[in-house]
C-alpha atoms as a PDB file:
ATOM      1  CA  MET A   1     152.111  10.053 122.131  1.00  0.00           C
ATOM      2  CA  PRO A   2     150.134  13.328 122.338  1.00  0.00           C
ATOM      3  CA  ASP A   3     150.108  15.174 125.638  1.00  0.00           C
ATOM      4  CA  GLN A   4     147.222  14.169 127.861  1.00  0.00           C
ATOM      5  CA  VAL A   5     144.917  17.006 128.854  1.00  0.00           C
ATOM      6  CA  ILE A   6     144.775  16.934 132.638  1.00  0.00           C
ATOM      7  CA  GLY A   7     142.488  19.082 134.718  1.00  0.00           C
ATOM      8  CA  ILE A   8     141.149  21.247 131.859  1.00  0.00           C
ATOM      9  CA  GLN A   9     137.584  22.407 132.503  1.00  0.00           C
ATOM     10  CA  TRP A  10     136.298  23.536 129.155  1.00  0.00           C
ATOM     11  CA  SER A  11     133.304  25.401 130.564  1.00  0.00           C
ATOM     12  CA  ARG A  12     135.456  27.865 132.538  1.00  0.00           C
ATOM     13  CA  GLN A  13     138.675  29.808 131.853  1.00  0.00           C
ATOM     14  CA  PRO A  14     141.447  27.389 132.908  1.00  0.00           C
ATOM     15  CA  PHE A  15     144.265  29.216 131.134  1.00  0.00           C
ATOM     16  CA  GLY A  16     145.734  32.668 131.545  1.00  0.00           C
ATOM     17  CA  LEU A  17     144.682  34.313 128.275  1.00  0.00           C
ATOM     18  CA  ALA A  18     145.457  37.946 128.964  1.00  0.00           C
ATOM     19  CA  HIS A  19     147.059  38.375 125.540  1.00  0.00           C
ATOM     20  CA  CYS A  20     144.310  36.796 123.494  1.00  0.00           C
ATOM     21  CA  GLY A  21     141.945  39.741 123.157  1.00  0.00           C
ATOM     22  CA  PRO A  22     138.272  40.091 124.167  1.00  0.00           C
ATOM     23  CA  TRP A  23     136.419  37.424 126.052  1.00  0.00           C
ATOM     24  CA  HIS A  24     134.530  36.195 122.960  1.00  0.00           C
ATOM     25  CA  ILE A  25     137.883  35.407 121.328  1.00  0.00           C
ATOM     26  CA  ARG A  26     139.203  33.723 124.462  1.00  0.00           C
ATOM     27  CA  ALA A  27     136.011  31.692 124.645  1.00  0.00           C
ATOM     28  CA  LYS A  28     136.622  30.365 121.138  1.00  0.00           C
ATOM     29  CA  ILE A  29     140.119  29.285 122.156  1.00  0.00           C
ATOM     30  CA  LEU A  30     138.622  27.400 125.109  1.00  0.00           C
ATOM     31  CA  ALA A  31     135.705  25.937 123.162  1.00  0.00           C
ATOM     32  CA  MET A  32     134.900  22.255 123.370  1.00  0.00           C
ATOM     33  CA  PRO A  33     137.374  20.263 121.244  1.00  0.00           C
ATOM     34  CA  GLN A  34     136.102  19.834 117.697  1.00  0.00           C
ATOM     35  CA  LEU A  35     139.104  18.256 115.952  1.00  0.00           C
ATOM     36  CA  THR A  36     139.409  15.043 117.973  1.00  0.00           C
ATOM     37  CA  ALA A  37     137.798  13.016 115.197  1.00  0.00           C
ATOM     38  CA  ALA A  38     140.555  14.212 112.862  1.00  0.00           C
ATOM     39  CA  GLY A  39     143.238  12.935 115.261  1.00  0.00           C
ATOM     40  CA  ILE A  40     144.046  16.257 116.944  1.00  0.00           C
ATOM     41  CA  ASP A  41     144.579  16.098 120.713  1.00  0.00           C
ATOM     42  CA  PRO A  42     142.404  18.579 122.687  1.00  0.00           C
ATOM     43  CA  PHE A  43     145.457  20.357 124.091  1.00  0.00           C
ATOM     44  CA  ASP A  44     146.972  20.605 120.609  1.00  0.00           C
ATOM     45  CA  GLU A  45     143.698  22.103 119.404  1.00  0.00           C
ATOM     46  CA  SER A  46     143.870  24.764 122.136  1.00  0.00           C
ATOM     47  CA  VAL A  47     147.408  25.625 120.976  1.00  0.00           C
ATOM     48  CA  TYR A  48     146.167  25.826 117.371  1.00  0.00           C
ATOM     49  CA  ARG A  49     143.273  28.099 118.371  1.00  0.00           C
ATOM     50  CA  ALA A  50     145.700  30.338 120.272  1.00  0.00           C
ATOM     51  CA  ILE A  51     148.103  30.689 117.343  1.00  0.00           C
ATOM     52  CA  LEU A  52     145.167  31.417 115.017  1.00  0.00           C
ATOM     53  CA  VAL A  53     144.441  34.475 117.157  1.00  0.00           C
ATOM     54  CA  ARG A  54     148.064  35.624 116.995  1.00  0.00           C
ATOM     55  CA  HIS A  55     148.736  34.434 113.406  1.00  0.00           C
ATOM     56  CA  THR A  56     152.426  33.962 114.310  1.00  0.00           C
ATOM     57  CA  ALA A  57     153.942  33.160 117.695  1.00  0.00           C
ATOM     58  CA  ALA A  58     156.873  31.621 119.531  1.00  0.00           C
ATOM     59  CA  PRO A  59     156.283  28.642 121.878  1.00  0.00           C
ATOM     60  CA  ALA A  60     156.954  30.847 124.908  1.00  0.00           C
ATOM     61  CA  GLU A  61     154.233  33.324 123.889  1.00  0.00           C
ATOM     62  CA  LEU A  62     151.649  30.570 123.519  1.00  0.00           C
ATOM     63  CA  ALA A  63     152.779  28.985 126.768  1.00  0.00           C
ATOM     64  CA  ASP A  64     152.122  32.321 128.470  1.00  0.00           C
ATOM     65  CA  ASP A  65     148.662  32.494 126.856  1.00  0.00           C
ATOM     66  CA  LEU A  66     147.773  28.973 127.983  1.00  0.00           C
ATOM     67  CA  SER A  67     149.521  29.004 131.379  1.00  0.00           C
ATOM     68  CA  CYS A  68     151.546  25.882 130.697  1.00  0.00           C
ATOM     69  CA  SER A  69     155.161  24.976 130.035  1.00  0.00           C
ATOM     70  CA  THR A  70     156.993  26.066 126.901  1.00  0.00           C
ATOM     71  CA  GLU A  71     158.161  22.485 126.340  1.00  0.00           C
ATOM     72  CA  ARG A  72     154.585  21.192 126.266  1.00  0.00           C
ATOM     73  CA  VAL A  73     153.551  23.852 123.760  1.00  0.00           C
ATOM     74  CA  ALA A  74     156.658  23.138 121.632  1.00  0.00           C
ATOM     75  CA  ARG A  75     155.720  19.442 121.446  1.00  0.00           C
ATOM     76  CA  ALA A  76     152.168  20.375 120.485  1.00  0.00           C
ATOM     77  CA  LEU A  77     153.470  22.705 117.754  1.00  0.00           C
ATOM     78  CA  ASP A  78     155.631  19.908 116.361  1.00  0.00           C
ATOM     79  CA  ARG A  79     152.573  17.655 116.125  1.00  0.00           C
ATOM     80  CA  LEU A  80     150.493  20.440 114.573  1.00  0.00           C
ATOM     81  CA  ARG A  81     153.259  20.984 112.038  1.00  0.00           C
ATOM     82  CA  GLU A  82     153.245  17.267 111.135  1.00  0.00           C
ATOM     83  CA  ASN A  83     149.488  17.522 110.582  1.00  0.00           C
ATOM     84  CA  GLY A  84     149.899  20.566 108.316  1.00  0.00           C
ATOM     85  CA  LEU A  85     148.173  23.053 110.654  1.00  0.00           C
ATOM     86  CA  VAL A  86     151.181  25.286 111.368  1.00  0.00           C
ATOM     87  CA  GLY A  87     154.452  26.041 109.623  1.00  0.00           C
ATOM     88  CA  ARG A  88     157.801  27.022 111.073  1.00  0.00           C
ATOM     89  CA  LEU A  89     158.997  30.463 109.970  1.00  0.00           C
ATOM     90  CA  SER A  90     162.505  30.970 108.601  1.00  0.00           C
ATOM     91  CA  GLY A  91     165.139  32.402 110.942  1.00  0.00           C
ATOM     92  CA  THR A  92     167.210  31.284 113.876  1.00  0.00           C
ATOM     93  CA  ARG A  93     164.441  31.849 116.448  1.00  0.00           C
ATOM     94  CA  ARG A  94     161.830  29.135 116.798  1.00  0.00           C
ATOM     95  CA  ARG A  95     158.628  30.773 115.595  1.00  0.00           C
ATOM     96  CA  TYR A  96     155.526  29.396 113.928  1.00  0.00           C
ATOM     97  CA  ALA A  97     152.729  30.628 111.663  1.00  0.00           C
ATOM     98  CA  ALA A  98     149.200  29.271 111.518  1.00  0.00           C
ATOM     99  CA  ILE A  99     148.227  27.681 108.213  1.00  0.00           C
ATOM    100  CA  GLU A 100     144.894  28.979 106.917  1.00  0.00           C
ATOM    101  CA  PRO A 101     142.341  26.654 108.604  1.00  0.00           C
ATOM    102  CA  GLY A 102     140.097  26.019 105.618  1.00  0.00           C
ATOM    103  CA  ALA A 103     142.863  24.545 103.490  1.00  0.00           C
ATOM    104  CA  ALA A 104     144.810  22.901 106.325  1.00  0.00           C
ATOM    105  CA  LEU A 105     141.850  21.112 107.926  1.00  0.00           C
ATOM    106  CA  GLU A 106     140.517  19.948 104.561  1.00  0.00           C
ATOM    107  CA  SER A 107     143.862  18.302 103.866  1.00  0.00           C
ATOM    108  CA  LEU A 108     143.858  16.691 107.310  1.00  0.00           C
ATOM    109  CA  VAL A 109     140.338  15.326 106.877  1.00  0.00           C
ATOM    110  CA  ARG A 110     141.165  14.009 103.407  1.00  0.00           C
ATOM    111  CA  SER A 111     144.160  12.110 104.710  1.00  0.00           C
ATOM    112  CA  ARG A 112     142.276  10.547 107.651  1.00  0.00           C
ATOM    113  CA  THR A 113     138.790   9.793 106.335  1.00  0.00           C
ATOM    114  CA  ALA A 114     138.902   6.456 104.546  1.00  0.00           C
ATOM    115  CA  ASP A 115     135.125   5.989 104.889  1.00  0.00           C
ATOM    116  CA  LEU A 116     134.506   8.873 102.472  1.00  0.00           C
ATOM    117  CA  ASP A 117     136.447   7.364  99.562  1.00  0.00           C
ATOM    118  CA  GLY A 118     133.250   6.662  97.699  1.00  0.00           C
ATOM    119  CA  VAL A 119     131.967  10.190  98.203  1.00  0.00           C
ATOM    120  CA  ARG A 120     135.291  11.636  97.018  1.00  0.00           C
ATOM    121  CA  ALA A 121     135.153   9.453  93.910  1.00  0.00           C
ATOM    122  CA  ALA A 122     131.659  10.766  93.169  1.00  0.00           C
ATOM    123  CA  ALA A 123     132.871  14.313  93.791  1.00  0.00           C
ATOM    124  CA  GLY A 124     135.708  13.724  91.330  1.00  0.00           C
ATOM    125  CA  GLU A 125     133.246  12.568  88.647  1.00  0.00           C
ATOM    126  CA  LEU A 126     131.039  15.603  89.260  1.00  0.00           C
ATOM    127  CA  SER A 127     134.078  17.874  89.145  1.00  0.00           C
ATOM    128  CA  ARG A 128     135.109  16.452  85.774  1.00  0.00           C
ATOM    129  CA  LEU A 129     131.545  16.930  84.522  1.00  0.00           C
ATOM    130  CA  PHE A 130     131.640  20.559  85.680  1.00  0.00           C
ATOM    131  CA  THR A 131     135.034  21.125  84.076  1.00  0.00           C
ATOM    132  CA  THR A 132     133.837  19.662  80.787  1.00  0.00           C
ATOM    133  CA  ALA A 133     130.711  21.817  80.822  1.00  0.00           C
ATOM    134  CA  GLU A 134     132.686  24.940  81.612  1.00  0.00           C
ATOM    135  CA  GLN A 135     135.621  24.188  79.321  1.00  0.00           C
ATOM    136  CA  GLY A 136     136.996  27.351  77.831  1.00  0.00           C
ATOM    137  CA  SER A 137     135.678  29.604  80.615  1.00  0.00           C
ATOM    138  CA  PHE A 138     139.064  29.749  82.399  1.00  0.00           C
ATOM    139  CA  GLU A 139     142.003  31.793  81.230  1.00  0.00           C
ATOM    140  CA  GLN A 140     145.068  29.734  80.339  1.00  0.00           C
ATOM    141  CA  VAL A 141     147.152  32.172  82.417  1.00  0.00           C
ATOM    142  CA  GLU A 142     145.623  33.815  85.485  1.00  0.00           C
ATOM    143  CA  VAL A 143     147.550  36.467  87.436  1.00  0.00           C
ATOM    144  CA  ILE A 144     147.025  36.532  91.196  1.00  0.00           C
ATOM    145  CA  THR A 145     148.256  39.179  93.625  1.00  0.00           C
ATOM    146  CA  GLY A 146     149.294  39.115  97.276  1.00  0.00           C
ATOM    147  CA  GLY A 147     151.378  36.778  99.396  1.00  0.00           C
ATOM    148  CA  GLU A 148     148.314  35.174 100.996  1.00  0.00           C
ATOM    149  CA  ALA A 149     146.783  34.377  97.589  1.00  0.00           C
ATOM    150  CA  LEU A 150     150.089  32.847  96.481  1.00  0.00           C
ATOM    151  CA  GLY A 151     150.183  30.725  99.639  1.00  0.00           C
ATOM    152  CA  ARG A 152     146.586  29.526  99.186  1.00  0.00           C
ATOM    153  CA  TRP A 153     147.234  28.535  95.574  1.00  0.00           C
ATOM    154  CA  PHE A 154     150.398  26.631  96.551  1.00  0.00           C
ATOM    155  CA  VAL A 155     148.428  24.675  99.154  1.00  0.00           C
ATOM    156  CA  GLN A 156     145.553  24.042  96.706  1.00  0.00           C
ATOM    157  CA  LEU A 157     147.894  22.911  93.944  1.00  0.00           C
ATOM    158  CA  GLN A 158     149.404  20.259  96.223  1.00  0.00           C
ATOM    159  CA  GLN A 159     146.068  19.142  97.683  1.00  0.00           C
ATOM    160  CA  GLU A 160     144.587  18.609  94.210  1.00  0.00           C
ATOM    161  CA  ALA A 161     147.639  16.685  92.949  1.00  0.00           C
ATOM    162  CA  ARG A 162     146.948  12.988  92.432  1.00  0.00           C
ATOM    163  CA  GLU A 163     150.206  11.719  90.932  1.00  0.00           C
ATOM    164  CA  GLU A 164     153.163  14.118  91.066  1.00  0.00           C
ATOM    165  CA  VAL A 165     154.341  17.569  92.117  1.00  0.00           C
ATOM    166  CA  ILE A 166     157.560  18.933  90.567  1.00  0.00           C
ATOM    167  CA  THR A 167     159.201  22.136  91.778  1.00  0.00           C
ATOM    168  CA  LEU A 168     162.050  24.578  91.349  1.00  0.00           C
ATOM    169  CA  ASP A 169     162.805  26.086  94.751  1.00  0.00           C
ATOM    170  CA  ARG A 170     164.912  29.096  95.645  1.00  0.00           C
ATOM    171  CA  PRO A 171     164.744  32.092  98.019  1.00  0.00           C
ATOM    172  CA  PRO A 172     163.214  34.432  98.942  1.00  0.00           C
ATOM    173  CA  TYR A 173     160.247  32.952 100.807  1.00  0.00           C
ATOM    174  CA  ALA A 174     157.031  34.902 101.333  1.00  0.00           C
ATOM    175  CA  LEU A 175     155.931  33.351 104.653  1.00  0.00           C
ATOM    176  CA  THR A 176     157.638  30.150 105.736  1.00  0.00           C
ATOM    177  CA  THR A 177     160.363  27.905 104.352  1.00  0.00           C
ATOM    178  CA  SER A 178     158.643  24.703 105.484  1.00  0.00           C
ATOM    179  CA  ASN A 179     155.929  22.909 103.514  1.00  0.00           C
ATOM    180  CA  PRO A 180     153.823  20.757 105.855  1.00  0.00           C
ATOM    181  CA  VAL A 181     151.301  20.032 103.065  1.00  0.00           C
ATOM    182  CA  GLU A 182     153.972  17.998 101.227  1.00  0.00           C
ATOM    183  CA  ALA A 183     154.382  15.517 104.074  1.00  0.00           C
ATOM    184  CA  THR A 184     150.635  14.828 104.007  1.00  0.00           C
ATOM    185  CA  ALA A 185     150.612  14.465 100.220  1.00  0.00           C
ATOM    186  CA  LEU A 186     153.522  12.033 100.328  1.00  0.00           C
ATOM    187  CA  THR A 187     151.583   9.785 102.706  1.00  0.00           C
ATOM    188  CA  ARG A 188     148.725   9.516 100.191  1.00  0.00           C
ATOM    189  CA  GLY A 189     151.081   8.490  97.392  1.00  0.00           C
ATOM    190  CA  VAL A 190     151.841  11.753  95.586  1.00  0.00           C
ATOM    191  CA  ARG A 191     155.372  11.765  94.145  1.00  0.00           C
ATOM    192  CA  TYR A 192     157.539  14.844  94.782  1.00  0.00           C
ATOM    193  CA  ARG A 193     160.634  15.812  92.796  1.00  0.00           C
ATOM    194  CA  ALA A 194     162.316  19.083  93.755  1.00  0.00           C
ATOM    195  CA  VAL A 195     165.281  21.023  92.376  1.00  0.00           C
ATOM    196  CA  TYR A 196     166.786  23.440  94.915  1.00  0.00           C
ATOM    197  CA  ALA A 197     169.064  26.405  94.338  1.00  0.00           C
ATOM    198  CA  PRO A 198     172.202  26.395  96.541  1.00  0.00           C
ATOM    199  CA  GLU A 199     170.953  29.628  98.113  1.00  0.00           C
ATOM    200  CA  ALA A 200     167.971  27.738  99.544  1.00  0.00           C
ATOM    201  CA  LEU A 201     170.273  25.414 101.495  1.00  0.00           C
ATOM    202  CA  GLU A 202     171.860  28.413 103.214  1.00  0.00           C
ATOM    203  CA  TRP A 203     168.584  29.498 104.878  1.00  0.00           C
ATOM    204  CA  PRO A 204     168.315  28.422 108.535  1.00  0.00           C
ATOM    205  CA  GLY A 205     166.453  25.149 108.914  1.00  0.00           C
ATOM    206  CA  VAL A 206     165.910  24.505 105.183  1.00  0.00           C
ATOM    207  CA  LEU A 207     168.502  21.751 104.786  1.00  0.00           C
ATOM    208  CA  GLY A 208     167.056  19.910 107.788  1.00  0.00           C
ATOM    209  CA  ASP A 209     163.531  20.204 106.354  1.00  0.00           C
ATOM    210  CA  ILE A 210     164.737  18.825 103.002  1.00  0.00           C
ATOM    211  CA  ARG A 211     166.420  15.843 104.679  1.00  0.00           C
ATOM    212  CA  GLU A 212     163.194  15.072 106.540  1.00  0.00           C
ATOM    213  CA  LEU A 213     161.165  15.231 103.317  1.00  0.00           C
ATOM    214  CA  VAL A 214     163.716  13.048 101.497  1.00  0.00           C
ATOM    215  CA  HIS A 215     163.328  10.539 104.328  1.00  0.00           C
ATOM    216  CA  ARG A 216     159.570  10.599 103.689  1.00  0.00           C
ATOM    217  CA  GLY A 217     160.040  10.000  99.965  1.00  0.00           C
ATOM    218  CA  GLU A 218     160.868  13.263  98.207  1.00  0.00           C
ATOM    219  CA  GLN A 219     163.511  13.114  95.459  1.00  0.00           C
ATOM    220  CA  ALA A 220     165.721  16.198  95.807  1.00  0.00           C
ATOM    221  CA  ARG A 221     168.483  17.674  93.678  1.00  0.00           C
ATOM    222  CA  VAL A 222     170.508  20.896  93.731  1.00  0.00           C
ATOM    223  CA  LEU A 223     171.340  23.135  90.764  1.00  0.00           C
ATOM    224  CA  PRO A 224     173.225  26.468  90.753  1.00  0.00           C
ATOM    225  CA  GLY A 225     171.805  29.327  88.719  1.00  0.00           C
ATOM    226  CA  LEU A 226     168.054  28.816  89.183  1.00  0.00           C
ATOM    227  CA  ARG A 227     166.344  32.072  88.225  1.00  0.00           C
ATOM    228  CA  ILE A 228     162.693  31.199  88.912  1.00  0.00           C
ATOM    229  CA  LYS A 229     160.431  29.511  91.471  1.00  0.00           C
ATOM    230  CA  LEU A 230     157.971  27.016  90.028  1.00  0.00           C
ATOM    231  CA  ALA A 231     155.505  24.323  91.129  1.00  0.00           C
ATOM    232  CA  ILE A 232     153.643  22.010  88.724  1.00  0.00           C
ATOM    233  CA  ALA A 233     150.970  19.479  89.703  1.00  0.00           C
ATOM    234  CA  ASP A 234     150.224  16.467  87.503  1.00  0.00           C
ATOM    235  CA  ARG A 235     151.618  18.392  84.505  1.00  0.00           C
ATOM    236  CA  ARG A 236     148.304  20.208  84.213  1.00  0.00           C
ATOM    237  CA  LEU A 237     148.574  23.172  86.588  1.00  0.00           C
ATOM    238  CA  ALA A 238     151.554  25.390  87.362  1.00  0.00           C
ATOM    239  CA  LEU A 239     152.216  28.214  89.811  1.00  0.00           C
ATOM    240  CA  MET A 240     155.071  30.663  89.184  1.00  0.00           C
ATOM    241  CA  PRO A 241     155.851  33.954  90.977  1.00  0.00           C
ATOM    242  CA  LEU A 242     156.429  36.697  88.414  1.00  0.00           C
ATOM    243  CA  SER A 243     159.104  38.389  90.499  1.00  0.00           C
ATOM    244  CA  LEU A 244     161.555  37.411  93.230  1.00  0.00           C
ATOM    245  CA  ASP A 245     161.257  40.855  94.825  1.00  0.00           C
ATOM    246  CA  LEU A 246     158.902  40.286  97.756  1.00  0.00           C
ATOM    247  CA  THR A 247     159.283  43.837  99.055  1.00  0.00           C
ATOM    248  CA  THR A 248     156.754  44.987  96.444  1.00  0.00           C
ATOM    249  CA  GLU A 249     153.311  43.594  95.633  1.00  0.00           C
ATOM    250  CA  VAL A 250     153.585  39.834  95.130  1.00  0.00           C
ATOM    251  CA  ARG A 251     152.272  38.699  91.745  1.00  0.00           C
ATOM    252  CA  ALA A 252     152.179  35.144  90.416  1.00  0.00           C
ATOM    253  CA  ALA A 253     150.866  33.297  87.388  1.00  0.00           C
ATOM    254  CA  VAL A 254     148.523  30.308  87.573  1.00  0.00           C
ATOM    255  CA  ILE A 255     149.128  28.440  84.318  1.00  0.00           C
ATOM    256  CA  ARG A 256     146.722  25.865  82.914  1.00  0.00           C
ATOM    257  CA  PRO A 257     147.235  23.490  79.945  1.00  0.00           C
ATOM    258  CA  SER A 258     148.881  25.504  77.181  1.00  0.00           C
ATOM    259  CA  ALA A 259     152.062  25.822  75.143  1.00  0.00           C
ATOM    260  CA  LEU A 260     153.477  27.899  78.015  1.00  0.00           C
ATOM    261  CA  LEU A 261     152.864  25.070  80.488  1.00  0.00           C
ATOM    262  CA  ASP A 262     154.495  22.589  78.106  1.00  0.00           C
ATOM    263  CA  GLY A 263     157.557  24.858  77.861  1.00  0.00           C
ATOM    264  CA  LEU A 264     157.830  25.152  81.650  1.00  0.00           C
ATOM    265  CA  ILE A 265     157.637  21.356  82.007  1.00  0.00           C
ATOM    266  CA  ASP A 266     160.426  20.960  79.422  1.00  0.00           C
ATOM    267  CA  TYR A 267     162.535  23.530  81.310  1.00  0.00           C
ATOM    268  CA  TRP A 268     161.975  21.696  84.597  1.00  0.00           C
ATOM    269  CA  GLU A 269     163.034  18.405  82.980  1.00  0.00           C
ATOM    270  CA  LEU A 270     166.248  20.046  81.734  1.00  0.00           C
ATOM    271  CA  CYS A 271     167.000  21.357  85.234  1.00  0.00           C
ATOM    272  CA  TRP A 272     166.291  17.928  86.737  1.00  0.00           C
ATOM    273  CA  ARG A 273     168.667  16.129  84.360  1.00  0.00           C
ATOM    274  CA  THR A 274     171.421  18.676  85.039  1.00  0.00           C
ATOM    275  CA  ALA A 275     171.024  18.883  88.838  1.00  0.00           C
ATOM    276  CA  THR A 276     173.042  16.921  91.416  1.00  0.00           C
ATOM    277  CA  PRO A 277     171.120  14.444  93.659  1.00  0.00           C
ATOM    278  CA  LEU A 278     170.995  15.358  97.333  1.00  0.00           C
ATOM    279  CA  ASP A 279     170.377  11.808  98.517  1.00  0.00           C
ATOM    280  CA  ALA A 280     173.175   9.243  98.682  1.00  0.00           C
ATOM    281  CA  PRO A 281     173.125   5.583  97.615  1.00  0.00           C
ATOM    282  CA  ALA A 282     172.679   3.021 100.362  1.00  0.00           C
ATOM    283  CA  ASP A 283     176.221   1.633  99.959  1.00  0.00           C
ATOM    284  CA  ASP A 284     177.886   5.061 100.128  1.00  0.00           C
ATOM    285  CA  PRO A 285     181.535   4.421 101.188  1.00  0.00           C
ATOM    286  CA  LEU A 286     181.883   7.990 102.449  1.00  0.00           C
ATOM    287  CA  ASP A 287     180.548   8.956 105.836  1.00  0.00           C
ATOM    288  CA  GLU A 288     177.435  11.111 106.001  1.00  0.00           C
ATOM    289  CA  GLU A 289     179.274  14.353 106.730  1.00  0.00           C
ATOM    290  CA  ASP A 290     181.660  13.881 103.781  1.00  0.00           C
ATOM    291  CA  ARG A 291     178.727  13.204 101.490  1.00  0.00           C
ATOM    292  CA  GLN A 292     176.895  16.309 102.701  1.00  0.00           C
ATOM    293  CA  MET A 293     180.021  18.390 102.220  1.00  0.00           C
ATOM    294  CA  LEU A 294     180.508  17.080  98.664  1.00  0.00           C
ATOM    295  CA  THR A 295     176.864  17.679  97.785  1.00  0.00           C
ATOM    296  CA  LEU A 296     176.959  21.266  99.030  1.00  0.00           C
ATOM    297  CA  LEU A 297     180.300  21.813  97.320  1.00  0.00           C
ATOM    298  CA  VAL A 298     179.036  20.567  93.968  1.00  0.00           C
ATOM    299  CA  GLY A 299     175.873  22.607  94.516  1.00  0.00           C
ATOM    300  CA  GLY A 300     177.976  25.777  94.388  1.00  0.00           C
ATOM    301  CA  LEU A 301     177.891  26.893  98.034  1.00  0.00           C
ATOM    302  CA  LYS A 302     180.833  28.929  99.303  1.00  0.00           C
ATOM    303  CA  ASP A 303     183.196  27.632 101.997  1.00  0.00           C
ATOM    304  CA  GLU A 304     181.636  29.796 104.695  1.00  0.00           C
ATOM    305  CA  ALA A 305     178.102  28.625 103.859  1.00  0.00           C
ATOM    306  CA  ILE A 306     179.118  24.944 103.829  1.00  0.00           C
ATOM    307  CA  ALA A 307     180.892  25.264 107.167  1.00  0.00           C
ATOM    308  CA  ARG A 308     177.863  26.997 108.675  1.00  0.00           C
ATOM    309  CA  GLN A 309     175.465  24.302 107.442  1.00  0.00           C
ATOM    310  CA  LEU A 310     177.617  21.501 108.872  1.00  0.00           C
ATOM    311  CA  GLY A 311     178.481  23.288 112.113  1.00  0.00           C
ATOM    312  CA  TRP A 312     182.213  23.421 111.392  1.00  0.00           C
ATOM    313  CA  SER A 313     184.802  26.139 111.265  1.00  0.00           C
ATOM    314  CA  VAL A 314     186.010  27.109 107.799  1.00  0.00           C
ATOM    315  CA  ARG A 315     189.436  25.743 108.706  1.00  0.00           C
ATOM    316  CA  THR A 316     187.990  22.355 109.646  1.00  0.00           C
ATOM    317  CA  MET A 317     185.935  22.246 106.463  1.00  0.00           C
ATOM    318  CA  ARG A 318     188.973  22.962 104.265  1.00  0.00           C
ATOM    319  CA  ARG A 319     191.022  20.335 106.109  1.00  0.00           C
ATOM    320  CA  ARG A 320     188.343  17.722 105.450  1.00  0.00           C
ATOM    321  CA  ILE A 321     188.211  18.704 101.784  1.00  0.00           C
ATOM    322  CA  SER A 322     191.951  18.122 101.526  1.00  0.00           C
ATOM    323  CA  ARG A 323     191.549  14.670 103.095  1.00  0.00           C
ATOM    324  CA  LEU A 324     188.681  13.938 100.708  1.00  0.00           C
ATOM    325  CA  HIS A 325     190.895  14.836  97.732  1.00  0.00           C
ATOM    326  CA  GLU A 326     193.369  12.182  98.863  1.00  0.00           C
ATOM    327  CA  GLU A 327     190.679   9.510  99.312  1.00  0.00           C
ATOM    328  CA  LEU A 328     189.191  10.172  95.863  1.00  0.00           C
ATOM    329  CA  GLY A 329     192.503  10.767  94.100  1.00  0.00           C
ATOM    330  CA  ALA A 330     191.368  14.248  93.032  1.00  0.00           C
ATOM    331  CA  ALA A 331     193.647  17.216  92.411  1.00  0.00           C
ATOM    332  CA  ASN A 332     190.997  19.853  93.105  1.00  0.00           C
ATOM    333  CA  ARG A 333     187.384  20.350  94.144  1.00  0.00           C
ATOM    334  CA  PHE A 334     186.028  20.123  90.612  1.00  0.00           C
ATOM    335  CA  GLN A 335     187.682  16.752  90.083  1.00  0.00           C
ATOM    336  CA  ALA A 336     186.433  15.560  93.463  1.00  0.00           C
ATOM    337  CA  GLY A 337     182.866  16.380  92.446  1.00  0.00           C
ATOM    338  CA  VAL A 338     183.248  14.672  89.050  1.00  0.00           C
ATOM    339  CA  ILE A 339     184.794  11.527  90.564  1.00  0.00           C
ATOM    340  CA  ALA A 340     182.152  11.326  93.298  1.00  0.00           C
ATOM    341  CA  ALA A 341     179.343  11.731  90.732  1.00  0.00           C
ATOM    342  CA  ARG A 342     180.803   9.034  88.470  1.00  0.00           C
ATOM    343  CA  ARG A 343     181.053   6.630  91.389  1.00  0.00           C
ATOM    344  CA  GLY A 344     177.462   7.379  92.385  1.00  0.00           C
ATOM    345  CA  LEU A 345     178.494   8.866  95.734  1.00  0.00           C
ATOM    346  CA  ILE A 346     176.384  12.004  95.268  1.00  0.00           C
END
C-alpha cells in the first residue's frame, strides 16, 4: 500500500528543500497534489516533483530534499517506476531519472481512465481521417537527432502500439536500461517479443528487469552477434539508432511503411527464429539456477560474466557446469546446450 502522508501542510514549507533551487521551484514541489485521480499518492507526487527538478537523483538525495527517510523515498520511487514516471539508471548505485512528464503522465492516464474509452475511439477515427487526408506528406524515413529525441520516440512508439512491439536490444544505453512504459503497455494487452544480445545481460540490473518483464508477459530470447538496436510497433513504425557510438551526436531513423521496414521485419523474424528462449517450460527438471546458467552459456556469455550474474565464483560456476554435463550426458558445453534445447529445457 502507498505510504500515508502524515502531517504534511501543503500551504507551508514542511520539507527541507535547500537543494531544490529558488522558492518558486520549491513551491511547485509542495503544490497541492494533482495526480491523485491518476492513482498517485500525494507523497509519491512530491518525490516525483523533486526528481523533476534534479532530473536524476539517488533516494538519499531526495530524502534530504524532503526531510524524510531514505527508505520511504525508495519505496515511493519503486511505485513511481511501476507507474512509468521514473526509470532506474544503469550502474551498481541505485539512481533514478525522471521520465518526461508529458509522455509519462499521458500513458498513466490512458491506462487508468476507462470512462474515456469512447472519446479515445473517436480520437482514433479522427486520427485515421487526418492520416488519410495527409497521406504522402510524411517521409518514409525520418532522421532524428539527440538522445532526448530518441527517448521520446521510443516512448511514443510503445504508447501508440495496439497489438505488438518487437525489439532487438543490445548496449550501449543512452539514458536508462529499464523500460517502465513496457509494463504499462503489457497491462493493456500489447504483446512484447524481445531479442537480447548477451552483452545486454551483463549490464547491472538488466537481467533482473528482463525476468520481471517476462513475468508480466514479455517473450524474451537471447542471440549472440546482434549488430543493431531496433524497435517496431504493429509492423508499421520502426525506430533504429544509426550508430552504437553514443559519445557523439545520437542519430536515429524513424521508419514508416516501406520496403526498408519490410526488410527490417524480415530480419527481426530471422533473429527470433535463431535466438534461444530465456524463459523455461513449467515442467523444467533442472533447478532455476541451472537453467539460468545454461541460458547464459548458450547465449554466448563468458565464464566470468555468467558467474557475476549468478553471484557465484568462477570456480563454483565451472563445477556446476561439470555436474550439469553428467546429468545431461554431454561431453562439452556445446553438447549440453544442444541437449537442453532439444529437451525444451531452455
